Amino acid sequence: MDRNSGGSCCRWWVFNGNHADCYGVAVGVYGVIGNIFTAGDSEGRIMEGGMSQFITELDFRMKEGSDTIYILNNPLIYYSSYLKSLGIDPFVKAPGEFHTDLASVPRVPIVFALWGNRCHRESVEHDLLFRKDSKPNVGFWIANRVFLEAMECRGKPAKIRYPMYWGVCLGSYLCYHKRRVGDKL
């Protein structure tokens, strides 16, 4: 679901310039403008305690000579209420030119048919959190939990998000903290 389509867990207030916009289900704006806006970035500011949300859109290209590696054209920024609840910087910012393989789903026919080519935004942020110099720098289990949170935020059904979550929990430990953010794949 995109942030304008109501009904997702991605309800948040953003203040841009002279007005406030509510994405998702309206929760009432009267009396809140001017006292709820806290941490933010160049895209606007998110309400304290706001729901998880991708702040920027995914914009990437395939790496020349590869059919599995992608390069971000612009930063991908995600706000994690889970990280905020832990007292960790809630903004996960994958920089432009970041190299990713998106979701590393095994190319086994049935497995790939069910879970392959899904969750691209969520996979980019998970790949970033797995880098040893990522900001914020989090542990293995926290990075996996943020991946699950991001899939829920994007409206992925449980039959997609939980197998993908358990897949990274069980199969990705050997990749954790092996690369740097700026490494080329």
Foldseek 3Di string as FASTA:
>chain_A
DAQQPADAQQWWWWDDPPDIDTTHDDDDDPPPPPPQFDDDDPQTTTGVLGAKDWSDDFAWDADPPDDQKIFTQAKTWIFHSVCVVVVFRRIFIQGGRFIDRFQPFDVPPVRCVQANPDLRSLRSSLLQQQACPGVVNDDQLVSLVSSLSVCRRVPPDPSHSVVSSVCCVPPPPVSRRPHHRNDDD
